[in-house]
Amino acid sequence: MEREDLVMDLESSNAAASALDKKQRNFDKVLAEWRQKYEECQCELESSQKESRNLSTELFKLKNSYEEALDHL
């Protein structure tokens, strides 16, 4: 009887370990997907910031040109 209990405990432990392993793999997959999304958003943010700086510089130049044109008039 005790041997049967040990076998059942072992099978139960193996099933629990298998279920936990499956959950861990799923968690790792979800984490990898979110990490990828984060990296894509980070690249998009950096690109937007660069574009904003370039547009700000262009606006500054245009504003100065406009003011110079007004002075000449």
C-alpha atoms as a PDB file:
ATOM      1  CA  MET A   1       0.000   0.000   0.000  1.00  0.00           C
ATOM      2  CA  GLU A   2       2.789   2.420   0.842  1.00  0.00           C
ATOM      3  CA  ARG A   3       4.474   1.809  -2.517  1.00  0.00           C
ATOM      4  CA  GLU A   4       1.247   2.666  -4.328  1.00  0.00           C
ATOM      5  CA  ASP A   5       1.012   5.883  -2.329  1.00  0.00           C
ATOM      6  CA  LEU A   6       4.571   6.781  -3.314  1.00  0.00           C
ATOM      7  CA  VAL A   7       3.843   6.093  -6.974  1.00  0.00           C
ATOM      8  CA  MET A   8       0.701   8.219  -6.802  1.00  0.00           C
ATOM      9  CA  ASP A   9       2.620  11.012  -5.059  1.00  0.00           C
ATOM     10  CA  LEU A  10       5.318  10.826  -7.727  1.00  0.00           C
ATOM     11  CA  GLU A  11       2.758  10.957 -10.546  1.00  0.00           C
ATOM     12  CA  SER A  12       1.010  13.857  -8.845  1.00  0.00           C
ATOM     13  CA  SER A  13       4.306  15.700  -8.393  1.00  0.00           C
ATOM     14  CA  ASN A  14       5.262  15.085 -12.021  1.00  0.00           C
ATOM     15  CA  ALA A  15       1.881  16.389 -13.197  1.00  0.00           C
ATOM     16  CA  ALA A  16       2.230  19.496 -11.025  1.00  0.00           C
ATOM     17  CA  ALA A  17       5.787  20.082 -12.263  1.00  0.00           C
ATOM     18  CA  SER A  18       4.611  19.692 -15.855  1.00  0.00           C
ATOM     19  CA  ALA A  19       1.779  22.172 -15.317  1.00  0.00           C
ATOM     20  CA  LEU A  20       4.151  24.682 -13.715  1.00  0.00           C
ATOM     21  CA  ASP A  21       6.620  24.244 -16.557  1.00  0.00           C
ATOM     22  CA  LYS A  22       3.848  24.940 -19.067  1.00  0.00           C
ATOM     23  CA  LYS A  23       2.823  28.078 -17.140  1.00  0.00           C
ATOM     24  CA  GLN A  24       6.454  29.230 -17.035  1.00  0.00           C
ATOM     25  CA  ARG A  25       6.856  28.783 -20.805  1.00  0.00           C
ATOM     26  CA  ASN A  26       3.643  30.730 -21.386  1.00  0.00           C
ATOM     27  CA  PHE A  27       4.822  33.487 -19.041  1.00  0.00           C
ATOM     28  CA  ASP A  28       8.169  33.656 -20.856  1.00  0.00           C
ATOM     29  CA  LYS A  29       6.346  33.937 -24.179  1.00  0.00           C
ATOM     30  CA  VAL A  30       4.098  36.768 -22.947  1.00  0.00           C
ATOM     31  CA  LEU A  31       7.093  38.534 -21.403  1.00  0.00           C
ATOM     32  CA  ALA A  32       9.013  38.302 -24.683  1.00  0.00           C
ATOM     33  CA  GLU A  33       6.037  39.762 -26.574  1.00  0.00           C
ATOM     34  CA  TRP A  34       5.773  42.707 -24.171  1.00  0.00           C
ATOM     35  CA  ARG A  35       9.524  43.245 -24.296  1.00  0.00           C
ATOM     36  CA  GLN A  36       9.295  43.428 -28.111  1.00  0.00           C
ATOM     37  CA  LYS A  37       6.409  45.920 -27.882  1.00  0.00           C
ATOM     38  CA  TYR A  38       8.408  48.020 -25.423  1.00  0.00           C
ATOM     39  CA  GLU A  39      11.426  48.089 -27.724  1.00  0.00           C
ATOM     40  CA  GLU A  40       9.258  49.077 -30.698  1.00  0.00           C
ATOM     41  CA  CYS A  41       7.664  51.884 -28.671  1.00  0.00           C
ATOM     42  CA  GLN A  42      11.091  53.025 -27.492  1.00  0.00           C
ATOM     43  CA  CYS A  43      12.310  53.244 -31.097  1.00  0.00           C
ATOM     44  CA  GLU A  44       9.181  55.121 -32.110  1.00  0.00           C
ATOM     45  CA  LEU A  45       9.627  57.544 -29.210  1.00  0.00           C
ATOM     46  CA  GLU A  46      13.264  58.219 -30.125  1.00  0.00           C
ATOM     47  CA  SER A  47      12.303  58.759 -33.753  1.00  0.00           C
ATOM     48  CA  SER A  48       9.520  61.170 -32.754  1.00  0.00           C
ATOM     49  CA  GLN A  49      11.855  63.094 -30.473  1.00  0.00           C
ATOM     50  CA  LYS A  50      14.423  63.412 -33.254  1.00  0.00           C
ATOM     51  CA  GLU A  51      11.766  64.597 -35.692  1.00  0.00           C
ATOM     52  CA  SER A  52      10.479  67.092 -33.120  1.00  0.00           C
ATOM     53  CA  ARG A  53      13.980  68.512 -32.608  1.00  0.00           C
ATOM     54  CA  ASN A  54      14.458  68.834 -36.363  1.00  0.00           C
ATOM     55  CA  LEU A  55      11.101  70.589 -36.774  1.00  0.00           C
ATOM     56  CA  SER A  56      11.870  72.878 -33.861  1.00  0.00           C
ATOM     57  CA  THR A  57      15.158  73.853 -35.482  1.00  0.00           C
ATOM     58  CA  GLU A  58      13.409  74.468 -38.797  1.00  0.00           C
ATOM     59  CA  LEU A  59      10.751  76.586 -37.071  1.00  0.00           C
ATOM     60  CA  PHE A  60      13.464  78.647 -35.361  1.00  0.00           C
ATOM     61  CA  LYS A  61      15.169  79.289 -38.714  1.00  0.00           C
ATOM     62  CA  LEU A  62      11.895  80.241 -40.384  1.00  0.00           C
ATOM     63  CA  LYS A  63      11.005  82.573 -37.524  1.00  0.00           C
ATOM     64  CA  ASN A  64      14.370  84.324 -37.820  1.00  0.00           C
ATOM     65  CA  SER A  65      14.002  84.613 -41.588  1.00  0.00           C
ATOM     66  CA  TYR A  66      10.516  86.055 -41.156  1.00  0.00           C
ATOM     67  CA  GLU A  67      11.740  88.615 -38.626  1.00  0.00           C
ATOM     68  CA  GLU A  68      14.622  89.610 -40.918  1.00  0.00           C
ATOM     69  CA  ALA A  69      12.196  90.028 -43.809  1.00  0.00           C
ATOM     70  CA  LEU A  70       9.992  92.264 -41.648  1.00  0.00           C
ATOM     71  CA  ASP A  71      13.004  94.353 -40.655  1.00  0.00           C
ATOM     72  CA  HIS A  72      13.935  94.898 -44.331  1.00  0.00           C
ATOM     73  CA  LEU A  73      10.417  95.961 -45.154  1.00  0.00           C
END
